[in-house]
Amino acid sequence: MAFGSGTFDAFGGAAKDIFAGVAFGYQADGKRLEAANYDAAARFSDQNAIFTRSSTRVKQYQADRALEKSVGGAEADIAGAGFTQSGSALDILRESMSQGAMQRALLGQQGAIQEAGYEEQARSYRAMADSSRLAAEAADTAQTGAYITGGIKAITGFATLGTA
């Protein structure tokens, strides 16, 4: 078979597989870029968790300072009115301390929830980055396979040229 449909089939298949290999290469590159973006997003989420932790501490400190100021003012008012810190005066101070402790705990809980959300987001981004890297590896393998089959088909095409 010198030059016939088998030759065209072989060379056509070779071209198809080689172009598929090129496409798989682009696909792998795209998946690596995607993984890099997910890695960056995970780092930003990690940073947000750290910022939230710091911000929560600052808010709790501010709440503590406001409580100290409020209690100090109440103590001064009580003393200025000529009352002692007993009975109703202690009830007022105790209520202020209780409210302050609740506010501090609430700020801490809200901060912990937000921080946990950022940490979960970072884990999710890392999982997506790993998935993209795995897809890039699969595309690399497919590219190699396409080049091999393209080469085999090209050799087959050349072999048909040499037969009479």
C-alpha atoms as a PDB file:
ATOM      1  CA  MET A   1       0.000   0.000   0.000  1.00  0.00           C
ATOM      2  CA  ALA A   2       2.005   2.917  -1.239  1.00  0.00           C
ATOM      3  CA  PHE A   3      -0.203   5.900  -0.702  1.00  0.00           C
ATOM      4  CA  GLY A   4      -3.820   5.410   0.161  1.00  0.00           C
ATOM      5  CA  SER A   5      -6.536   6.007   2.721  1.00  0.00           C
ATOM      6  CA  GLY A   6      -4.499   4.253   5.433  1.00  0.00           C
ATOM      7  CA  THR A   7      -1.726   6.804   4.953  1.00  0.00           C
ATOM      8  CA  PHE A   8      -4.159   9.700   5.278  1.00  0.00           C
ATOM      9  CA  ASP A   9      -5.781   8.064   8.310  1.00  0.00           C
ATOM     10  CA  ALA A  10      -2.425   7.581  10.009  1.00  0.00           C
ATOM     11  CA  PHE A  11      -1.153  11.108   9.340  1.00  0.00           C
ATOM     12  CA  GLY A  12      -4.550  12.611  10.195  1.00  0.00           C
ATOM     13  CA  GLY A  13      -4.628  10.701  13.479  1.00  0.00           C
ATOM     14  CA  ALA A  14      -1.051  11.782  14.200  1.00  0.00           C
ATOM     15  CA  ALA A  15      -1.917  15.442  13.628  1.00  0.00           C
ATOM     16  CA  LYS A  16      -5.056  15.139  15.750  1.00  0.00           C
ATOM     17  CA  ASP A  17      -3.144  13.565  18.646  1.00  0.00           C
ATOM     18  CA  ILE A  18      -0.296  16.076  18.457  1.00  0.00           C
ATOM     19  CA  PHE A  19      -2.723  19.015  18.534  1.00  0.00           C
ATOM     20  CA  ALA A  20      -4.549  17.327  21.427  1.00  0.00           C
ATOM     21  CA  GLY A  21      -1.201  17.107  23.228  1.00  0.00           C
ATOM     22  CA  VAL A  22      -0.693  20.838  22.758  1.00  0.00           C
ATOM     23  CA  ALA A  23      -4.205  21.476  24.107  1.00  0.00           C
ATOM     24  CA  PHE A  24      -3.527  19.288  27.141  1.00  0.00           C
ATOM     25  CA  GLY A  25      -0.390  21.344  27.771  1.00  0.00           C
ATOM     26  CA  TYR A  26      -2.428  24.559  27.799  1.00  0.00           C
ATOM     27  CA  GLN A  27      -4.981  22.910  30.049  1.00  0.00           C
ATOM     28  CA  ALA A  28      -2.242  21.876  32.506  1.00  0.00           C
ATOM     29  CA  ASP A  29      -0.828  25.421  32.500  1.00  0.00           C
ATOM     30  CA  GLY A  30      -4.292  26.833  33.191  1.00  0.00           C
ATOM     31  CA  LYS A  31      -4.828  24.446  36.093  1.00  0.00           C
ATOM     32  CA  ARG A  32      -1.478  25.459  37.591  1.00  0.00           C
ATOM     33  CA  LEU A  33      -2.482  29.131  37.360  1.00  0.00           C
ATOM     34  CA  GLU A  34      -5.803  28.269  38.967  1.00  0.00           C
ATOM     35  CA  ALA A  35      -3.982  26.458  41.788  1.00  0.00           C
ATOM     36  CA  ALA A  36      -1.727  29.486  42.316  1.00  0.00           C
ATOM     37  CA  ASN A  37      -4.798  31.734  42.616  1.00  0.00           C
ATOM     38  CA  TYR A  38      -6.389  29.388  45.140  1.00  0.00           C
ATOM     39  CA  ASP A  39      -3.118  29.328  47.103  1.00  0.00           C
ATOM     40  CA  ALA A  40      -3.132  33.143  47.173  1.00  0.00           C
ATOM     41  CA  ALA A  41      -6.763  33.194  48.310  1.00  0.00           C
ATOM     42  CA  ALA A  42      -5.910  30.729  51.088  1.00  0.00           C
ATOM     43  CA  ARG A  43      -3.059  32.976  52.249  1.00  0.00           C
ATOM     44  CA  PHE A  44      -5.423  35.971  52.300  1.00  0.00           C
ATOM     45  CA  SER A  45      -7.932  33.973  54.355  1.00  0.00           C
ATOM     46  CA  ASP A  46      -5.155  33.003  56.782  1.00  0.00           C
ATOM     47  CA  GLN A  47      -4.214  36.677  57.091  1.00  0.00           C
ATOM     48  CA  ASN A  48      -7.853  37.629  57.673  1.00  0.00           C
ATOM     49  CA  ALA A  49      -8.033  35.086  60.493  1.00  0.00           C
ATOM     50  CA  ILE A  50      -4.945  36.648  62.090  1.00  0.00           C
ATOM     51  CA  PHE A  51      -6.349  40.173  61.626  1.00  0.00           C
ATOM     52  CA  THR A  52      -9.650  39.059  63.164  1.00  0.00           C
ATOM     53  CA  ARG A  53      -7.843  37.571  66.166  1.00  0.00           C
ATOM     54  CA  SER A  54      -5.943  40.834  66.710  1.00  0.00           C
ATOM     55  CA  SER A  55      -9.022  42.962  66.124  1.00  0.00           C
ATOM     56  CA  THR A  56     -11.012  40.912  68.625  1.00  0.00           C
ATOM     57  CA  ARG A  57      -8.333  41.439  71.267  1.00  0.00           C
ATOM     58  CA  VAL A  58      -8.395  45.195  70.630  1.00  0.00           C
ATOM     59  CA  LYS A  59     -12.208  45.289  70.837  1.00  0.00           C
ATOM     60  CA  GLN A  60     -12.118  43.314  74.090  1.00  0.00           C
ATOM     61  CA  TYR A  61      -9.503  45.682  75.497  1.00  0.00           C
ATOM     62  CA  GLN A  62     -11.672  48.656  74.477  1.00  0.00           C
ATOM     63  CA  ALA A  63     -14.687  47.032  76.143  1.00  0.00           C
ATOM     64  CA  ASP A  64     -12.627  46.420  79.293  1.00  0.00           C
ATOM     65  CA  ARG A  65     -11.539  50.071  79.325  1.00  0.00           C
ATOM     66  CA  ALA A  66     -15.123  51.268  78.817  1.00  0.00           C
ATOM     67  CA  LEU A  67     -16.247  49.021  81.670  1.00  0.00           C
ATOM     68  CA  GLU A  68     -13.514  50.310  83.973  1.00  0.00           C
ATOM     69  CA  LYS A  69     -14.486  53.869  83.086  1.00  0.00           C
ATOM     70  CA  SER A  70     -18.172  53.159  83.680  1.00  0.00           C
ATOM     71  CA  VAL A  71     -17.587  51.422  87.012  1.00  0.00           C
ATOM     72  CA  GLY A  72     -15.145  54.127  88.075  1.00  0.00           C
ATOM     73  CA  GLY A  73     -17.713  56.775  87.215  1.00  0.00           C
ATOM     74  CA  ALA A  74     -20.412  54.902  89.147  1.00  0.00           C
ATOM     75  CA  GLU A  75     -18.121  54.566  92.159  1.00  0.00           C
ATOM     76  CA  ALA A  76     -17.354  58.289  92.013  1.00  0.00           C
ATOM     77  CA  ASP A  77     -21.052  59.133  91.720  1.00  0.00           C
ATOM     78  CA  ILE A  78     -21.877  56.893  94.674  1.00  0.00           C
ATOM     79  CA  ALA A  79     -19.114  58.391  96.782  1.00  0.00           C
ATOM     80  CA  GLY A  80     -20.010  61.922  95.657  1.00  0.00           C
ATOM     81  CA  ALA A  81     -23.598  61.400  96.751  1.00  0.00           C
ATOM     82  CA  GLY A  82     -22.354  60.414 100.191  1.00  0.00           C
ATOM     83  CA  PHE A  83     -23.327  56.741  99.888  1.00  0.00           C
ATOM     84  CA  THR A  84     -21.146  53.813 100.811  1.00  0.00           C
ATOM     85  CA  GLN A  85     -20.503  50.861  98.549  1.00  0.00           C
ATOM     86  CA  SER A  86     -23.180  48.670 100.008  1.00  0.00           C
ATOM     87  CA  GLY A  87     -26.739  47.625  99.229  1.00  0.00           C
ATOM     88  CA  SER A  88     -28.098  49.210  96.052  1.00  0.00           C
ATOM     89  CA  ALA A  89     -24.730  50.747  95.202  1.00  0.00           C
ATOM     90  CA  LEU A  90     -23.137  47.293  95.109  1.00  0.00           C
ATOM     91  CA  ASP A  91     -26.044  46.004  93.037  1.00  0.00           C
ATOM     92  CA  ILE A  92     -25.415  48.746  90.485  1.00  0.00           C
ATOM     93  CA  LEU A  93     -21.683  48.005  90.371  1.00  0.00           C
ATOM     94  CA  ARG A  94     -22.292  44.252  90.155  1.00  0.00           C
ATOM     95  CA  GLU A  95     -24.750  44.770  87.277  1.00  0.00           C
ATOM     96  CA  SER A  96     -22.225  46.942  85.432  1.00  0.00           C
ATOM     97  CA  MET A  97     -19.519  44.286  85.890  1.00  0.00           C
ATOM     98  CA  SER A  98     -21.903  41.576  84.705  1.00  0.00           C
ATOM     99  CA  GLN A  99     -22.850  43.574  81.603  1.00  0.00           C
ATOM    100  CA  GLY A 100     -19.183  44.241  80.880  1.00  0.00           C
ATOM    101  CA  ALA A 101     -18.269  40.573  81.239  1.00  0.00           C
ATOM    102  CA  MET A 102     -21.123  39.631  78.889  1.00  0.00           C
ATOM    103  CA  GLN A 103     -20.016  42.170  76.313  1.00  0.00           C
ATOM    104  CA  ARG A 104     -16.405  40.926  76.501  1.00  0.00           C
ATOM    105  CA  ALA A 105     -17.526  37.309  76.107  1.00  0.00           C
ATOM    106  CA  LEU A 106     -19.787  38.232  73.189  1.00  0.00           C
ATOM    107  CA  LEU A 107     -16.950  40.045  71.417  1.00  0.00           C
ATOM    108  CA  GLY A 108     -14.700  37.039  71.973  1.00  0.00           C
ATOM    109  CA  GLN A 109     -17.331  34.632  70.633  1.00  0.00           C
ATOM    110  CA  GLN A 110     -18.044  36.762  67.562  1.00  0.00           C
ATOM    111  CA  GLY A 111     -14.329  37.037  66.863  1.00  0.00           C
ATOM    112  CA  ALA A 112     -13.837  33.284  67.261  1.00  0.00           C
ATOM    113  CA  ILE A 113     -16.709  32.580  64.856  1.00  0.00           C
ATOM    114  CA  GLN A 114     -15.327  34.971  62.249  1.00  0.00           C
ATOM    115  CA  GLU A 115     -11.806  33.608  62.690  1.00  0.00           C
ATOM    116  CA  ALA A 116     -13.053  30.024  62.285  1.00  0.00           C
ATOM    117  CA  GLY A 117     -14.871  31.062  59.109  1.00  0.00           C
ATOM    118  CA  TYR A 118     -11.662  32.443  57.608  1.00  0.00           C
ATOM    119  CA  GLU A 119      -9.755  29.315  58.630  1.00  0.00           C
ATOM    120  CA  GLU A 120     -12.375  27.095  56.985  1.00  0.00           C
ATOM    121  CA  GLN A 121     -12.270  29.275  53.889  1.00  0.00           C
ATOM    122  CA  ALA A 122      -8.479  28.861  53.748  1.00  0.00           C
ATOM    123  CA  ARG A 123      -8.832  25.061  54.035  1.00  0.00           C
ATOM    124  CA  SER A 124     -11.377  25.090  51.226  1.00  0.00           C
ATOM    125  CA  TYR A 125      -9.091  27.138  48.977  1.00  0.00           C
ATOM    126  CA  ARG A 126      -6.202  24.763  49.702  1.00  0.00           C
ATOM    127  CA  ALA A 127      -8.384  21.793  48.742  1.00  0.00           C
ATOM    128  CA  MET A 128      -9.342  23.509  45.473  1.00  0.00           C
ATOM    129  CA  ALA A 129      -5.667  24.291  44.788  1.00  0.00           C
ATOM    130  CA  ASP A 130      -4.768  20.640  45.378  1.00  0.00           C
ATOM    131  CA  SER A 131      -7.567  19.599  43.031  1.00  0.00           C
ATOM    132  CA  SER A 132      -6.276  21.964  40.341  1.00  0.00           C
ATOM    133  CA  ARG A 133      -2.744  20.622  40.736  1.00  0.00           C
ATOM    134  CA  LEU A 134      -4.083  17.082  40.380  1.00  0.00           C
ATOM    135  CA  ALA A 135      -5.968  18.089  37.218  1.00  0.00           C
ATOM    136  CA  ALA A 136      -2.749  19.643  35.868  1.00  0.00           C
ATOM    137  CA  GLU A 137      -0.909  16.371  36.484  1.00  0.00           C
ATOM    138  CA  ALA A 138      -3.674  14.477  34.664  1.00  0.00           C
ATOM    139  CA  ALA A 139      -3.412  16.884  31.726  1.00  0.00           C
ATOM    140  CA  ASP A 140       0.373  16.383  31.688  1.00  0.00           C
ATOM    141  CA  THR A 141      -0.148  12.624  31.522  1.00  0.00           C
ATOM    142  CA  ALA A 142      -2.763  13.012  28.772  1.00  0.00           C
ATOM    143  CA  GLN A 143      -0.377  15.290  26.849  1.00  0.00           C
ATOM    144  CA  THR A 144       2.382  12.671  27.024  1.00  0.00           C
ATOM    145  CA  GLY A 145      -0.034   9.973  25.897  1.00  0.00           C
ATOM    146  CA  ALA A 146      -1.285  12.100  22.998  1.00  0.00           C
ATOM    147  CA  TYR A 147       2.267  12.770  21.824  1.00  0.00           C
ATOM    148  CA  ILE A 148       3.120   9.065  22.028  1.00  0.00           C
ATOM    149  CA  THR A 149       0.036   7.984  20.073  1.00  0.00           C
ATOM    150  CA  GLY A 150       0.625  10.821  17.607  1.00  0.00           C
ATOM    151  CA  GLY A 151       4.177   9.601  17.091  1.00  0.00           C
ATOM    152  CA  ILE A 152       3.029   6.006  16.608  1.00  0.00           C
ATOM    153  CA  LYS A 153       0.436   7.105  14.062  1.00  0.00           C
ATOM    154  CA  ALA A 154       3.035   9.218  12.234  1.00  0.00           C
ATOM    155  CA  ILE A 155       5.401   6.232  12.080  1.00  0.00           C
ATOM    156  CA  THR A 156       2.529   4.122  10.784  1.00  0.00           C
ATOM    157  CA  GLY A 157       1.857   6.751   8.089  1.00  0.00           C
ATOM    158  CA  PHE A 158       5.492   6.762   7.012  1.00  0.00           C
ATOM    159  CA  ALA A 159       5.501   2.961   7.013  1.00  0.00           C
ATOM    160  CA  THR A 160       2.617   2.921   4.548  1.00  0.00           C
ATOM    161  CA  LEU A 161       4.629   5.130   2.204  1.00  0.00           C
ATOM    162  CA  GLY A 162       7.429   2.593   2.061  1.00  0.00           C
ATOM    163  CA  THR A 163       5.272  -0.406   1.184  1.00  0.00           C
ATOM    164  CA  ALA A 164       4.473  -1.217  -2.391  1.00  0.00           C
END
